Structures are given as structure tokens and as C-alpha cells.
Amino acid sequence: MKGTSMLNQPTLEKLQTLRLRAMADAWLAQGKNPKLSSLAFDERFAMLVEAEFQTRDNRKLAKLLADAQFRFPQACVEDVDPAPTRGLEKAMLRQLASCSWVSENLNVTITGKTGVGKSYLACALGQAACRHRERVLYRRVPRLLDELALARADGTYAKLLARLAKTRVLILDDLGLGHLNEAQRHDLLEVMEDRYGQSATVVTSQLTRDKWHAWIGDPSLADAILDRLIHNAYKIDLTGPSRRKERSVPEATT
């Protein structure tokens, strides 16, 4: 056994040099399991490859989830409570959980009063997209507009717009808070223009959709922004009491 270990050492070192550490660990584990000695070489090799693949895939998922910067990192569609009384049908949630809307470059708009679960649902959909190995980014609209203003000032505006355009799913939370100035209207249009037909956007708002036009302010810019946002979107209107008061419910969020 000692001789076998010495013979294996150079191979182990090469696997580690190639950064195939999961495969190396799986190979060592196979050597300690006499039951696997009866398996054909192809079967054992497939197990090694699978171990490396799963490790890398899990690492990629963890990075996608971290990079998304979700407001609610633990949100997931399995914990969302669909009910007609909430304005969310099971069939709709099932369809959104499949993430076909992402591959089809469609949007999702979620409205409702504060506390009904808009942000949680948006983050849950974003997590589902991450699980489909899509790149997601969460931003509250006021913060995103501040970032764009700073980027314009320090010369990184084009770089930030390019980053937003390449993000497969952009979650814009709290649309409709505060008031937009002229520069912010143009920023919002630039973001939506770059993403239209190329990627998917999730928007939440306390305002009903018929008030978005007035909130944007400029009629021409409002028409352009909403044309790119609403017409190709799933529309969810959450209702019911504030779920913040339901402390036993994990989804008790805005």
C-alpha cells in the first residue's frame, strides 16, 4: 500500500498543479474504498470527472450569488407563497421559476404596497436565474442612479453602462421613489435601451404602472423608457396585508 501511495504521489501533484483538486481528492477517496475496485476504469474515471465538474459548478454558482448582491440573499422561489389572494398564481410562479423569460429576454414588473413581498420575489427570481447559471445584479433604483451620476463624473460612465448591458438579469428595486431630474431620466433610458431585446430586467415599484409615466416626468422619455420596459413584460400585482407583520413567514419582506 505504501508503494502504491508513492507511485500515486507524482500523479496527485500533477492534478493539483493543473488545479484539478476535486479530482485528486476523489481519486484518493476511491483508493480508500475497496468496493469501487470492481468498477470498470471508465466508470471510475467518470466519477472523478463528475467530482471535478460539480465542484467547479458549485463554485461558479456561489460566485454568481455573491456578485448579484441581493437584498435578500436567502430568497428562493420555493419559499414564495403563491395564492390568488396575493395576486400571484401558481402557474405564473412556476413559469417564472423555469427562467424561460430570461432566455427570451423578457422583463418582469412587480407592483404592490410596501411590505407585500415585492423585493423578496424579485430576489427569488434572481436567485433562480443564478441557479440557471445566469449573471444577475440587484440594485435599488435610487442607488443605481447615484452610481451612474458618479460614473459620469469620474469618466467610467460608458464602462458602467456596458457592465449593466452585459448583465443577463438586472433587478431594479423601488422604482418610483423620489423625483427624477433630467440627467436621471436619460440615464434610465440608456440602461433600458441597451437591454431591450438583449437581456431581462425585473422591476419592483410601490406605484401602479399607470403612474410610472408621470413619475418619469418628460413625456417623450417616459414613452421611450416604458415602451422598452412594459410591453414585453410579465406583470404581477401583489396584494394583501404587509408580510412584515407575519414574523413566522420567511418571506416577510418588502
Foldseek 3Di string as FASTA:
>chain_A
DVVVVVVCVVVLVVCVVVVLNQLSVLVVVCVVDPVCVPDDPVVSVVVSVVRSVVVVLVVLLVVLLVQQPAPDSPQALVQDDADVQFQGHPVNSVVLLVVVCLVQLFEAEEEEAFQLQQSSSLVNSVSSVSVVVFRHHEDALVVVLVVLVVCVVVVNNVVVLVVLLRHQEYEHEAPLPDADDPVSLVVLLSNLVSSQRPHYYYYYYHDDPVCNCVRSPDNVSSCSNCVRHPPRYHYTYTDDDRLCVVVVRPSRGD
